[in-house]
Structure formats: C-alpha cells, structure tokens
C-alpha cells in the first residue's frame, strides 16, 4: 500500500523539528516533501542523529531514525529556525502541490501537513492565501470544503472559518448551512464509515437566540436549513440549533459524532482546550484525505527541541486509519 505525503510547512517554524523528532521516535510513517538541506541543517542544530534518505528508497519496515525525503528545492535552504522568511512562501505552497499531484498519481495515499505562516505566505506574493483549507479547496476546484478539528473525544466543524467577527452573521446563510452540514454528513458516512452520524448544530447568538430575543438567525436561517436537511435525510440524527455555552458539556458532547459551530472561535477553543498539542485538523469534502497539526509555526520553539510531536503523530495516525 502507498504511504503518506508529509509537508513540514514553514522552514523557519517547528515543522522540520517535528518531523525529525517523530523519526527518532519511530512515528514518522511517510514521505517528507521538503528540501533535504533544510532537514539536514535542522537535525544538526537539534543534535539529533537522523539519516536522510531519498523517497525512492522508502522501506515501511525501516523507519525509526530515518527521514525519507522527496526533494523540493527551497528558495532559502539556509533559513534559520525562528525566522519566517517570505522568500520561502512559494516553496511552502509548491511542497503541498507536489504532494497533491503525488496523491493523484497514486504515489501517496493521503496528505499530512505541518504549520505554515499565513502572513508570511501573503507577504511572499500570494496575497489571496488564507490557509491550507482554502488552498486545498481551490486546488481541487471544489465549491466548498469544511474545516474540522478533532481531539480524542470532540470533533468540531465550522460553517465559517477565517472571517472577522463583523462579517460572520451575513456569511451565515441557509444555503451555506445546508451545504456545510451535507459535506459533514457525507464525510462521516464515506470516510469515517458511520452510516447514521449524530450531528449537533450550534446557534449563532447567546442561548441560541433565546426565542428571538437575542437575535433571529436561529429562527430565520439555521432552523429552516435543518428542517430541509431532516426531510432530505430522515435517518440522520440532526439536532439544533443548540446554545453554544452548554453544547460542549460532557453529557451533550458525548451524544454527537460532530458538532457544527457557526464560526472559528465559537467551537475551536473547546477542542484546543481539551486536546491542544494532540488534536488535529481534518479537511472534509476533498477527494483526498488531509490531516494536519492544530497549532502554528511556534517560531519561538523552532530549533530548540522543545516542541511536542503529539499533533503530528496524531495526524499521521488518523490519516493512516482513514485510508486503510
């Protein structure tokens, strides 16, 4: 069976560290798409004895202490840890594209991504870049995909992602809720192999609008969308709109395979509180499986050997599980 493609992300961040440390632990089960010089220099800085081998020599039975690299040339292979250099913006995106083309060609079975710096990529000449999720959506020409973060006991998908709070209410339409929820349902059926997923949908306003006294989006937008979806798929357990302040209590959270939040900071702080460092990002609605760490580049930790590999290892394991 083909293996995973792993992109370390920003050369100045902790992505290279995580790959090196995971290799030492015997957990780097895949091919790293990177400039081998960046990996070598970082290993020297960390003082960790890894062997860097070409992807053509990949041996799934021999991975501990070895990083198998499929080379992509960096614009600045001497990029020191702790500095996010805009000159490497194109390199970061090229690494992702290389991995995706490899999946399309049957060389890899899924994509695992390390953290990139959005501002650095925009400063490097890619002004429309807003994140991996949107980049992957556009690469495959998908009308919409869904960002979902998952910890050991909590999965949260988002109706809107990287928007200012002032733009969120107008972005939440009945059509969008129907689209996002349908993608989530289909992903759980097809990828997660759960025929009848239990989906909880949050309201937008405090107390889910409190009967219209604290906002009418629940009455005029969210509830009508859910009614359409219930008629369309009556065998799906679809509950909501739920008040966000109680939806993540253990008793209610345990009844959901996935909770759909209306915006980024409504749902993701809960997942990160429960499992930061070990939780992961999964993109739903793509024709390929993509998982990722749930954290950023952590420039202050790069090159110091202090970063936890928990998120990367969890992302690798989940990508393998979902494609086995």
C-alpha atoms as a PDB file:
ATOM      1  CA  UNK A   1       0.000   0.000   0.000  1.00  0.00           C
ATOM      2  CA  UNK A   2       1.200   3.544  -0.757  1.00  0.00           C
ATOM      3  CA  UNK A   3       2.360   5.729   2.099  1.00  0.00           C
ATOM      4  CA  UNK A   4       1.594   9.240   3.307  1.00  0.00           C
ATOM      5  CA  UNK A   5       2.927  12.536   1.983  1.00  0.00           C
ATOM      6  CA  UNK A   6       4.043  14.827   4.817  1.00  0.00           C
ATOM      7  CA  UNK A   7       4.762  18.528   4.307  1.00  0.00           C
ATOM      8  CA  UNK A   8       6.707  20.146   7.189  1.00  0.00           C
ATOM      9  CA  UNK A   9       5.389  23.651   6.469  1.00  0.00           C
ATOM     10  CA  UNK A  10       7.337  26.832   7.161  1.00  0.00           C
ATOM     11  CA  UNK A  11      11.113  26.125   7.149  1.00  0.00           C
ATOM     12  CA  UNK A  12      11.594  28.600   9.993  1.00  0.00           C
ATOM     13  CA  UNK A  13       8.977  27.035  12.240  1.00  0.00           C
ATOM     14  CA  UNK A  14       8.753  23.828  14.239  1.00  0.00           C
ATOM     15  CA  UNK A  15       7.598  21.671  11.312  1.00  0.00           C
ATOM     16  CA  UNK A  16      11.101  20.381  10.484  1.00  0.00           C
ATOM     17  CA  UNK A  17      11.730  19.757  14.205  1.00  0.00           C
ATOM     18  CA  UNK A  18       8.563  17.683  14.488  1.00  0.00           C
ATOM     19  CA  UNK A  19       9.494  15.518  11.507  1.00  0.00           C
ATOM     20  CA  UNK A  20      12.967  14.907  12.887  1.00  0.00           C
ATOM     21  CA  UNK A  21      11.757  14.177  16.418  1.00  0.00           C
ATOM     22  CA  UNK A  22       8.973  11.908  15.137  1.00  0.00           C
ATOM     23  CA  UNK A  23      11.543   9.994  13.068  1.00  0.00           C
ATOM     24  CA  UNK A  24      13.654   9.432  16.182  1.00  0.00           C
ATOM     25  CA  UNK A  25      10.520   8.130  17.926  1.00  0.00           C
ATOM     26  CA  UNK A  26       9.746   5.814  15.010  1.00  0.00           C
ATOM     27  CA  UNK A  27       6.459   7.648  14.329  1.00  0.00           C
ATOM     28  CA  UNK A  28       7.255   9.386  11.034  1.00  0.00           C
ATOM     29  CA  UNK A  29       5.453   6.898   8.827  1.00  0.00           C
ATOM     30  CA  UNK A  30       5.529   8.571   5.421  1.00  0.00           C
ATOM     31  CA  UNK A  31       7.490  10.552   2.856  1.00  0.00           C
ATOM     32  CA  UNK A  32       8.509  14.107   3.736  1.00  0.00           C
ATOM     33  CA  UNK A  33       8.114  16.565   0.874  1.00  0.00           C
ATOM     34  CA  UNK A  34      10.870  19.083   1.538  1.00  0.00           C
ATOM     35  CA  UNK A  35      14.279  20.433   0.714  1.00  0.00           C
ATOM     36  CA  UNK A  36      16.651  17.857   2.250  1.00  0.00           C
ATOM     37  CA  UNK A  37      19.138  20.618   3.092  1.00  0.00           C
ATOM     38  CA  UNK A  38      16.571  22.228   5.407  1.00  0.00           C
ATOM     39  CA  UNK A  39      16.018  18.917   7.192  1.00  0.00           C
ATOM     40  CA  UNK A  40      19.741  18.238   7.466  1.00  0.00           C
ATOM     41  CA  UNK A  41      20.537  21.679   8.859  1.00  0.00           C
ATOM     42  CA  UNK A  42      17.760  21.460  11.422  1.00  0.00           C
ATOM     43  CA  UNK A  43      18.834  17.993  12.534  1.00  0.00           C
ATOM     44  CA  UNK A  44      22.358  19.334  13.035  1.00  0.00           C
ATOM     45  CA  UNK A  45      21.011  22.243  15.106  1.00  0.00           C
ATOM     46  CA  UNK A  46      18.915  19.872  17.222  1.00  0.00           C
ATOM     47  CA  UNK A  47      21.807  17.441  17.536  1.00  0.00           C
ATOM     48  CA  UNK A  48      19.587  14.514  16.600  1.00  0.00           C
ATOM     49  CA  UNK A  49      21.102  11.610  14.644  1.00  0.00           C
ATOM     50  CA  UNK A  50      18.698  11.009  11.782  1.00  0.00           C
ATOM     51  CA  UNK A  51      19.502   9.514   8.414  1.00  0.00           C
ATOM     52  CA  UNK A  52      18.084  11.389   5.430  1.00  0.00           C
ATOM     53  CA  UNK A  53      17.274   9.093   2.529  1.00  0.00           C
ATOM     54  CA  UNK A  54      15.587   9.579  -0.824  1.00  0.00           C
ATOM     55  CA  UNK A  55      11.923   8.667  -1.144  1.00  0.00           C
ATOM     56  CA  UNK A  56      12.794   6.066  -3.792  1.00  0.00           C
ATOM     57  CA  UNK A  57      14.475   4.035  -1.040  1.00  0.00           C
ATOM     58  CA  UNK A  58      11.423   4.060   1.239  1.00  0.00           C
ATOM     59  CA  UNK A  59      11.135   0.925   3.354  1.00  0.00           C
ATOM     60  CA  UNK A  60       7.991   0.820   5.548  1.00  0.00           C
ATOM     61  CA  UNK A  61       9.666  -1.738   7.760  1.00  0.00           C
ATOM     62  CA  UNK A  62      12.637   0.509   8.436  1.00  0.00           C
ATOM     63  CA  UNK A  63      11.598   3.985   9.563  1.00  0.00           C
ATOM     64  CA  UNK A  64      12.974   4.689  13.043  1.00  0.00           C
ATOM     65  CA  UNK A  65      15.716   7.295  12.866  1.00  0.00           C
ATOM     66  CA  UNK A  66      15.190   7.728   9.114  1.00  0.00           C
ATOM     67  CA  UNK A  67      13.561  10.557   7.182  1.00  0.00           C
ATOM     68  CA  UNK A  68      12.636   9.646   3.630  1.00  0.00           C
ATOM     69  CA  UNK A  69      12.559  12.849   1.584  1.00  0.00           C
ATOM     70  CA  UNK A  70      11.051  13.575  -1.808  1.00  0.00           C
ATOM     71  CA  UNK A  71      13.053  16.700  -2.696  1.00  0.00           C
ATOM     72  CA  UNK A  72      11.508  20.088  -3.448  1.00  0.00           C
ATOM     73  CA  UNK A  73      14.000  22.945  -3.734  1.00  0.00           C
ATOM     74  CA  UNK A  74      13.715  25.825  -1.273  1.00  0.00           C
ATOM     75  CA  UNK A  75      14.448  29.423  -2.240  1.00  0.00           C
ATOM     76  CA  UNK A  76      16.376  29.772   1.003  1.00  0.00           C
ATOM     77  CA  UNK A  77      17.626  26.399   2.255  1.00  0.00           C
ATOM     78  CA  UNK A  78      19.677  28.130   4.969  1.00  0.00           C
ATOM     79  CA  UNK A  79      16.530  29.624   6.525  1.00  0.00           C
ATOM     80  CA  UNK A  80      17.390  29.642  10.251  1.00  0.00           C
ATOM     81  CA  UNK A  81      14.924  28.424  12.870  1.00  0.00           C
ATOM     82  CA  UNK A  82      12.764  31.140  14.390  1.00  0.00           C
ATOM     83  CA  UNK A  83      12.575  33.284  11.251  1.00  0.00           C
ATOM     84  CA  UNK A  84       9.658  33.021   8.835  1.00  0.00           C
ATOM     85  CA  UNK A  85      11.078  34.255   5.541  1.00  0.00           C
ATOM     86  CA  UNK A  86       8.629  35.394   2.806  1.00  0.00           C
ATOM     87  CA  UNK A  87      11.108  34.183   0.194  1.00  0.00           C
ATOM     88  CA  UNK A  88      10.051  30.633   1.084  1.00  0.00           C
ATOM     89  CA  UNK A  89       6.334  31.275   0.549  1.00  0.00           C
ATOM     90  CA  UNK A  90       6.393  29.694  -2.897  1.00  0.00           C
ATOM     91  CA  UNK A  91       8.364  26.738  -1.584  1.00  0.00           C
ATOM     92  CA  UNK A  92       5.729  26.036   1.088  1.00  0.00           C
ATOM     93  CA  UNK A  93       2.916  26.025  -1.469  1.00  0.00           C
ATOM     94  CA  UNK A  94       4.943  24.084  -4.032  1.00  0.00           C
ATOM     95  CA  UNK A  95       5.556  21.346  -1.447  1.00  0.00           C
ATOM     96  CA  UNK A  96       1.818  20.987  -0.892  1.00  0.00           C
ATOM     97  CA  UNK A  97       1.086  20.931  -4.619  1.00  0.00           C
ATOM     98  CA  UNK A  98       3.816  18.340  -5.180  1.00  0.00           C
ATOM     99  CA  UNK A  99       2.268  16.110  -2.536  1.00  0.00           C
ATOM    100  CA  UNK A 100      -1.217  16.506  -4.016  1.00  0.00           C
ATOM    101  CA  UNK A 101      -0.013  15.639  -7.504  1.00  0.00           C
ATOM    102  CA  UNK A 102       1.641  12.579  -5.972  1.00  0.00           C
ATOM    103  CA  UNK A 103      -1.664  11.517  -4.422  1.00  0.00           C
ATOM    104  CA  UNK A 104      -3.421  11.996  -7.765  1.00  0.00           C
ATOM    105  CA  UNK A 105      -0.747   9.851  -9.424  1.00  0.00           C
ATOM    106  CA  UNK A 106      -1.182   7.081  -6.844  1.00  0.00           C
ATOM    107  CA  UNK A 107       2.237   7.573  -5.221  1.00  0.00           C
ATOM    108  CA  UNK A 108       0.768   8.690  -1.892  1.00  0.00           C
ATOM    109  CA  UNK A 109      -2.481   7.800  -0.172  1.00  0.00           C
ATOM    110  CA  UNK A 110      -3.103  10.920   1.950  1.00  0.00           C
ATOM    111  CA  UNK A 111      -1.660  14.293   2.912  1.00  0.00           C
ATOM    112  CA  UNK A 112      -0.413  15.320   6.366  1.00  0.00           C
ATOM    113  CA  UNK A 113       0.526  18.992   6.667  1.00  0.00           C
ATOM    114  CA  UNK A 114       2.739  20.873   9.079  1.00  0.00           C
ATOM    115  CA  UNK A 115       2.125  24.514  10.045  1.00  0.00           C
ATOM    116  CA  UNK A 116       2.616  27.474   7.730  1.00  0.00           C
ATOM    117  CA  UNK A 117       2.570  31.178   8.483  1.00  0.00           C
ATOM    118  CA  UNK A 118      -0.328  32.783   6.587  1.00  0.00           C
ATOM    119  CA  UNK A 119       1.060  36.316   6.834  1.00  0.00           C
ATOM    120  CA  UNK A 120       4.459  35.207   5.545  1.00  0.00           C
ATOM    121  CA  UNK A 121       2.905  33.482   2.530  1.00  0.00           C
ATOM    122  CA  UNK A 122       0.846  36.574   1.735  1.00  0.00           C
ATOM    123  CA  UNK A 123       3.920  38.769   2.144  1.00  0.00           C
ATOM    124  CA  UNK A 124       5.757  36.405  -0.196  1.00  0.00           C
ATOM    125  CA  UNK A 125       3.489  37.283  -3.109  1.00  0.00           C
ATOM    126  CA  UNK A 126       0.421  35.116  -2.515  1.00  0.00           C
ATOM    127  CA  UNK A 127      -1.936  37.785  -1.271  1.00  0.00           C
ATOM    128  CA  UNK A 128      -5.094  35.687  -1.520  1.00  0.00           C
ATOM    129  CA  UNK A 129      -3.771  32.877   0.692  1.00  0.00           C
ATOM    130  CA  UNK A 130      -5.936  32.419   3.788  1.00  0.00           C
ATOM    131  CA  UNK A 131      -4.909  28.930   4.872  1.00  0.00           C
ATOM    132  CA  UNK A 132      -4.412  25.292   3.937  1.00  0.00           C
ATOM    133  CA  UNK A 133      -8.157  24.595   3.873  1.00  0.00           C
ATOM    134  CA  UNK A 134      -8.969  27.218   1.270  1.00  0.00           C
ATOM    135  CA  UNK A 135      -5.816  26.431  -0.726  1.00  0.00           C
ATOM    136  CA  UNK A 136      -6.804  22.770  -0.965  1.00  0.00           C
ATOM    137  CA  UNK A 137     -10.357  23.713  -1.913  1.00  0.00           C
ATOM    138  CA  UNK A 138      -9.123  25.849  -4.786  1.00  0.00           C
ATOM    139  CA  UNK A 139      -6.511  23.296  -5.893  1.00  0.00           C
ATOM    140  CA  UNK A 140      -9.213  20.704  -6.474  1.00  0.00           C
ATOM    141  CA  UNK A 141     -11.763  23.221  -7.751  1.00  0.00           C
ATOM    142  CA  UNK A 142     -14.228  22.302  -5.035  1.00  0.00           C
ATOM    143  CA  UNK A 143     -17.099  24.753  -4.434  1.00  0.00           C
ATOM    144  CA  UNK A 144     -16.782  24.235  -0.690  1.00  0.00           C
ATOM    145  CA  UNK A 145     -14.896  22.192   1.898  1.00  0.00           C
ATOM    146  CA  UNK A 146     -15.148  22.075   5.686  1.00  0.00           C
ATOM    147  CA  UNK A 147     -12.544  22.598   8.396  1.00  0.00           C
ATOM    148  CA  UNK A 148     -12.948  20.181  11.297  1.00  0.00           C
ATOM    149  CA  UNK A 149     -10.752  19.954  14.384  1.00  0.00           C
ATOM    150  CA  UNK A 150     -10.743  16.741  16.365  1.00  0.00           C
ATOM    151  CA  UNK A 151      -9.426  15.693  19.750  1.00  0.00           C
ATOM    152  CA  UNK A 152      -9.800  12.307  21.402  1.00  0.00           C
ATOM    153  CA  UNK A 153     -13.402  12.982  22.439  1.00  0.00           C
ATOM    154  CA  UNK A 154     -14.557  16.040  20.493  1.00  0.00           C
ATOM    155  CA  UNK A 155     -14.969  16.927  16.819  1.00  0.00           C
ATOM    156  CA  UNK A 156     -15.960  20.428  15.713  1.00  0.00           C
ATOM    157  CA  UNK A 157     -16.645  21.522  12.123  1.00  0.00           C
ATOM    158  CA  UNK A 158     -17.046  25.148  11.069  1.00  0.00           C
ATOM    159  CA  UNK A 159     -19.651  26.957   8.971  1.00  0.00           C
ATOM    160  CA  UNK A 160     -17.272  29.931   8.592  1.00  0.00           C
ATOM    161  CA  UNK A 161     -13.517  29.879   9.080  1.00  0.00           C
ATOM    162  CA  UNK A 162     -11.138  32.842   8.926  1.00  0.00           C
ATOM    163  CA  UNK A 163     -13.516  35.795   8.963  1.00  0.00           C
ATOM    164  CA  UNK A 164     -13.645  38.919  11.151  1.00  0.00           C
ATOM    165  CA  UNK A 165     -16.466  38.757  13.689  1.00  0.00           C
ATOM    166  CA  UNK A 166     -18.151  41.708  11.983  1.00  0.00           C
ATOM    167  CA  UNK A 167     -18.596  39.646   8.786  1.00  0.00           C
ATOM    168  CA  UNK A 168     -19.856  36.400  10.299  1.00  0.00           C
ATOM    169  CA  UNK A 169     -23.605  36.996  10.618  1.00  0.00           C
ATOM    170  CA  UNK A 170     -24.038  37.966   6.976  1.00  0.00           C
ATOM    171  CA  UNK A 171     -21.915  34.996   5.848  1.00  0.00           C
ATOM    172  CA  UNK A 172     -24.192  32.511   7.609  1.00  0.00           C
ATOM    173  CA  UNK A 173     -26.972  31.785   5.131  1.00  0.00           C
ATOM    174  CA  UNK A 174     -29.456  28.951   4.937  1.00  0.00           C
ATOM    175  CA  UNK A 175     -27.768  27.688   1.777  1.00  0.00           C
ATOM    176  CA  UNK A 176     -24.349  27.682   3.434  1.00  0.00           C
ATOM    177  CA  UNK A 177     -25.557  25.788   6.473  1.00  0.00           C
ATOM    178  CA  UNK A 178     -27.211  23.198   4.234  1.00  0.00           C
ATOM    179  CA  UNK A 179     -24.012  22.849   2.173  1.00  0.00           C
ATOM    180  CA  UNK A 180     -21.632  22.592   5.133  1.00  0.00           C
ATOM    181  CA  UNK A 181     -23.835  20.169   7.049  1.00  0.00           C
ATOM    182  CA  UNK A 182     -24.277  17.971   3.968  1.00  0.00           C
ATOM    183  CA  UNK A 183     -20.494  17.808   3.490  1.00  0.00           C
ATOM    184  CA  UNK A 184     -20.061  16.831   7.140  1.00  0.00           C
ATOM    185  CA  UNK A 185     -22.718  14.110   6.926  1.00  0.00           C
ATOM    186  CA  UNK A 186     -21.288  12.652   3.716  1.00  0.00           C
ATOM    187  CA  UNK A 187     -17.735  12.702   5.087  1.00  0.00           C
ATOM    188  CA  UNK A 188     -18.772  10.803   8.202  1.00  0.00           C
ATOM    189  CA  UNK A 189     -20.606   8.261   6.091  1.00  0.00           C
ATOM    190  CA  UNK A 190     -17.930   7.783   3.436  1.00  0.00           C
ATOM    191  CA  UNK A 191     -14.628   8.493   5.202  1.00  0.00           C
ATOM    192  CA  UNK A 192     -15.370   7.736   8.846  1.00  0.00           C
ATOM    193  CA  UNK A 193     -17.684   4.828   7.972  1.00  0.00           C
ATOM    194  CA  UNK A 194     -20.516   5.997  10.266  1.00  0.00           C
ATOM    195  CA  UNK A 195     -23.771   5.343   8.327  1.00  0.00           C
ATOM    196  CA  UNK A 196     -26.003   7.402  10.616  1.00  0.00           C
ATOM    197  CA  UNK A 197     -23.856  10.154  12.123  1.00  0.00           C
ATOM    198  CA  UNK A 198     -25.094  12.199  15.076  1.00  0.00           C
ATOM    199  CA  UNK A 199     -24.666  15.873  14.224  1.00  0.00           C
ATOM    200  CA  UNK A 200     -25.191  18.770  16.628  1.00  0.00           C
ATOM    201  CA  UNK A 201     -25.551  22.265  15.136  1.00  0.00           C
ATOM    202  CA  UNK A 202     -24.942  25.351  17.266  1.00  0.00           C
ATOM    203  CA  UNK A 203     -26.838  28.595  17.183  1.00  0.00           C
ATOM    204  CA  UNK A 204     -25.106  31.870  16.410  1.00  0.00           C
ATOM    205  CA  UNK A 205     -26.348  34.037  19.264  1.00  0.00           C
ATOM    206  CA  UNK A 206     -26.165  33.630  23.055  1.00  0.00           C
ATOM    207  CA  UNK A 207     -28.633  30.988  24.248  1.00  0.00           C
ATOM    208  CA  UNK A 208     -29.297  30.167  20.565  1.00  0.00           C
ATOM    209  CA  UNK A 209     -31.163  33.457  20.232  1.00  0.00           C
ATOM    210  CA  UNK A 210     -33.472  32.826  23.194  1.00  0.00           C
ATOM    211  CA  UNK A 211     -36.602  32.611  21.067  1.00  0.00           C
ATOM    212  CA  UNK A 212     -35.671  35.643  19.013  1.00  0.00           C
ATOM    213  CA  UNK A 213     -34.967  37.978  21.928  1.00  0.00           C
ATOM    214  CA  UNK A 214     -31.170  37.783  21.391  1.00  0.00           C
ATOM    215  CA  UNK A 215     -31.139  37.546  17.599  1.00  0.00           C
ATOM    216  CA  UNK A 216     -33.225  35.945  14.869  1.00  0.00           C
ATOM    217  CA  UNK A 217     -30.624  33.993  12.870  1.00  0.00           C
ATOM    218  CA  UNK A 218     -31.647  30.759  14.613  1.00  0.00           C
ATOM    219  CA  UNK A 219     -35.311  31.259  13.643  1.00  0.00           C
ATOM    220  CA  UNK A 220     -34.846  32.686  10.166  1.00  0.00           C
ATOM    221  CA  UNK A 221     -31.699  30.923   8.921  1.00  0.00           C
ATOM    222  CA  UNK A 222     -30.422  27.973  10.961  1.00  0.00           C
ATOM    223  CA  UNK A 223     -33.660  26.209  11.872  1.00  0.00           C
ATOM    224  CA  UNK A 224     -35.069  26.349   8.298  1.00  0.00           C
ATOM    225  CA  UNK A 225     -31.812  24.848   6.989  1.00  0.00           C
ATOM    226  CA  UNK A 226     -32.006  21.991   9.485  1.00  0.00           C
ATOM    227  CA  UNK A 227     -35.649  21.301   8.597  1.00  0.00           C
ATOM    228  CA  UNK A 228     -34.702  20.952   4.930  1.00  0.00           C
ATOM    229  CA  UNK A 229     -31.877  18.569   5.819  1.00  0.00           C
ATOM    230  CA  UNK A 230     -34.063  16.454   8.108  1.00  0.00           C
ATOM    231  CA  UNK A 231     -36.588  15.984   5.315  1.00  0.00           C
ATOM    232  CA  UNK A 232     -33.808  15.154   2.880  1.00  0.00           C
ATOM    233  CA  UNK A 233     -32.114  12.626   5.186  1.00  0.00           C
ATOM    234  CA  UNK A 234     -34.564  11.492   7.869  1.00  0.00           C
ATOM    235  CA  UNK A 235     -32.256   8.731   9.110  1.00  0.00           C
ATOM    236  CA  UNK A 236     -29.612  11.244  10.248  1.00  0.00           C
ATOM    237  CA  UNK A 237     -29.657  12.429  13.863  1.00  0.00           C
ATOM    238  CA  UNK A 238     -29.517  16.203  13.394  1.00  0.00           C
ATOM    239  CA  UNK A 239     -30.029  18.326  16.486  1.00  0.00           C
ATOM    240  CA  UNK A 240     -30.064  22.096  16.846  1.00  0.00           C
ATOM    241  CA  UNK A 241     -29.714  24.973  16.916  1.00  0.00           C
ATOM    242  CA  UNK A 242     -28.140  24.383  20.317  1.00  0.00           C
ATOM    243  CA  UNK A 243     -26.820  27.017  22.733  1.00  0.00           C
ATOM    244  CA  UNK A 244     -23.040  27.035  22.410  1.00  0.00           C
ATOM    245  CA  UNK A 245     -22.481  27.572  26.130  1.00  0.00           C
ATOM    246  CA  UNK A 246     -23.913  24.149  27.042  1.00  0.00           C
ATOM    247  CA  UNK A 247     -23.359  22.115  23.867  1.00  0.00           C
ATOM    248  CA  UNK A 248     -19.857  21.090  24.924  1.00  0.00           C
ATOM    249  CA  UNK A 249     -20.706  19.815  28.389  1.00  0.00           C
ATOM    250  CA  UNK A 250     -19.587  16.175  28.664  1.00  0.00           C
ATOM    251  CA  UNK A 251     -23.110  14.723  28.634  1.00  0.00           C
ATOM    252  CA  UNK A 252     -24.185  16.573  25.487  1.00  0.00           C
ATOM    253  CA  UNK A 253     -20.820  16.317  23.713  1.00  0.00           C
ATOM    254  CA  UNK A 254     -20.818  12.544  24.154  1.00  0.00           C
ATOM    255  CA  UNK A 255     -24.043  12.304  22.139  1.00  0.00           C
ATOM    256  CA  UNK A 256     -22.510  13.834  18.999  1.00  0.00           C
ATOM    257  CA  UNK A 257     -20.150  12.442  16.381  1.00  0.00           C
ATOM    258  CA  UNK A 258     -19.563  16.038  15.310  1.00  0.00           C
ATOM    259  CA  UNK A 259     -20.636  19.485  16.473  1.00  0.00           C
ATOM    260  CA  UNK A 260     -21.013  22.174  13.802  1.00  0.00           C
ATOM    261  CA  UNK A 261     -20.086  25.651  15.066  1.00  0.00           C
ATOM    262  CA  UNK A 262     -21.058  28.828  13.285  1.00  0.00           C
ATOM    263  CA  UNK A 263     -17.620  30.454  13.487  1.00  0.00           C
ATOM    264  CA  UNK A 264     -13.978  29.773  14.304  1.00  0.00           C
ATOM    265  CA  UNK A 265     -13.746  30.935  17.906  1.00  0.00           C
ATOM    266  CA  UNK A 266     -17.137  29.539  18.870  1.00  0.00           C
ATOM    267  CA  UNK A 267     -16.012  25.945  18.566  1.00  0.00           C
ATOM    268  CA  UNK A 268     -12.260  25.606  18.235  1.00  0.00           C
ATOM    269  CA  UNK A 269     -11.259  26.885  21.686  1.00  0.00           C
ATOM    270  CA  UNK A 270     -13.137  23.932  23.163  1.00  0.00           C
ATOM    271  CA  UNK A 271     -11.258  21.376  21.061  1.00  0.00           C
ATOM    272  CA  UNK A 272      -7.923  23.007  21.786  1.00  0.00           C
ATOM    273  CA  UNK A 273      -8.655  23.226  25.488  1.00  0.00           C
ATOM    274  CA  UNK A 274      -9.425  19.520  25.568  1.00  0.00           C
ATOM    275  CA  UNK A 275      -6.553  18.349  23.421  1.00  0.00           C
ATOM    276  CA  UNK A 276      -4.142  21.075  22.348  1.00  0.00           C
ATOM    277  CA  UNK A 277      -0.961  19.525  21.039  1.00  0.00           C
ATOM    278  CA  UNK A 278      -2.688  16.224  20.326  1.00  0.00           C
ATOM    279  CA  UNK A 279      -5.787  17.421  18.456  1.00  0.00           C
ATOM    280  CA  UNK A 280      -5.724  17.621  14.672  1.00  0.00           C
ATOM    281  CA  UNK A 281      -7.276  19.413  11.724  1.00  0.00           C
ATOM    282  CA  UNK A 282      -9.136  17.370   9.090  1.00  0.00           C
ATOM    283  CA  UNK A 283     -10.454  18.829   5.853  1.00  0.00           C
ATOM    284  CA  UNK A 284     -13.842  17.381   4.902  1.00  0.00           C
ATOM    285  CA  UNK A 285     -15.200  17.390   1.353  1.00  0.00           C
ATOM    286  CA  UNK A 286     -11.935  16.876  -0.524  1.00  0.00           C
ATOM    287  CA  UNK A 287     -11.370  13.983  -2.937  1.00  0.00           C
ATOM    288  CA  UNK A 288      -8.333  13.067  -0.779  1.00  0.00           C
ATOM    289  CA  UNK A 289      -7.723  12.663   2.942  1.00  0.00           C
ATOM    290  CA  UNK A 290      -5.874  15.569   4.521  1.00  0.00           C
ATOM    291  CA  UNK A 291      -4.986  15.841   8.188  1.00  0.00           C
ATOM    292  CA  UNK A 292      -2.838  18.405   9.949  1.00  0.00           C
ATOM    293  CA  UNK A 293      -1.480  19.586  13.254  1.00  0.00           C
ATOM    294  CA  UNK A 294      -3.794  22.016  15.057  1.00  0.00           C
ATOM    295  CA  UNK A 295      -1.085  24.517  16.001  1.00  0.00           C
ATOM    296  CA  UNK A 296       1.002  27.176  14.347  1.00  0.00           C
ATOM    297  CA  UNK A 297       4.654  27.529  13.437  1.00  0.00           C
ATOM    298  CA  UNK A 298       5.766  28.339  17.025  1.00  0.00           C
ATOM    299  CA  UNK A 299       8.813  30.262  15.851  1.00  0.00           C
ATOM    300  CA  UNK A 300       9.949  30.769  19.447  1.00  0.00           C
ATOM    301  CA  UNK A 301      10.376  26.988  19.850  1.00  0.00           C
ATOM    302  CA  UNK A 302      11.951  26.218  16.479  1.00  0.00           C
ATOM    303  CA  UNK A 303      15.373  24.632  16.618  1.00  0.00           C
ATOM    304  CA  UNK A 304      15.253  24.110  20.387  1.00  0.00           C
ATOM    305  CA  UNK A 305      13.891  20.574  20.570  1.00  0.00           C
ATOM    306  CA  UNK A 306      11.061  21.696  22.865  1.00  0.00           C
ATOM    307  CA  UNK A 307       8.086  21.198  20.539  1.00  0.00           C
ATOM    308  CA  UNK A 308       5.726  18.281  21.184  1.00  0.00           C
ATOM    309  CA  UNK A 309       5.229  15.813  18.347  1.00  0.00           C
ATOM    310  CA  UNK A 310       1.789  14.836  19.669  1.00  0.00           C
ATOM    311  CA  UNK A 311      -0.174  16.681  16.993  1.00  0.00           C
ATOM    312  CA  UNK A 312       1.921  15.461  14.073  1.00  0.00           C
ATOM    313  CA  UNK A 313       1.861  11.868  15.295  1.00  0.00           C
ATOM    314  CA  UNK A 314      -1.914  12.051  15.815  1.00  0.00           C
ATOM    315  CA  UNK A 315      -2.362  13.477  12.304  1.00  0.00           C
ATOM    316  CA  UNK A 316      -0.242  10.691  10.804  1.00  0.00           C
ATOM    317  CA  UNK A 317      -2.146   8.008  12.676  1.00  0.00           C
ATOM    318  CA  UNK A 318      -5.547   9.406  11.691  1.00  0.00           C
ATOM    319  CA  UNK A 319      -4.546   9.741   8.024  1.00  0.00           C
ATOM    320  CA  UNK A 320      -3.450   6.114   8.065  1.00  0.00           C
ATOM    321  CA  UNK A 321      -6.636   4.987   9.816  1.00  0.00           C
ATOM    322  CA  UNK A 322      -8.897   6.824   7.392  1.00  0.00           C
ATOM    323  CA  UNK A 323      -7.151   5.346   4.348  1.00  0.00           C
ATOM    324  CA  UNK A 324      -6.696   1.757   5.490  1.00  0.00           C
END
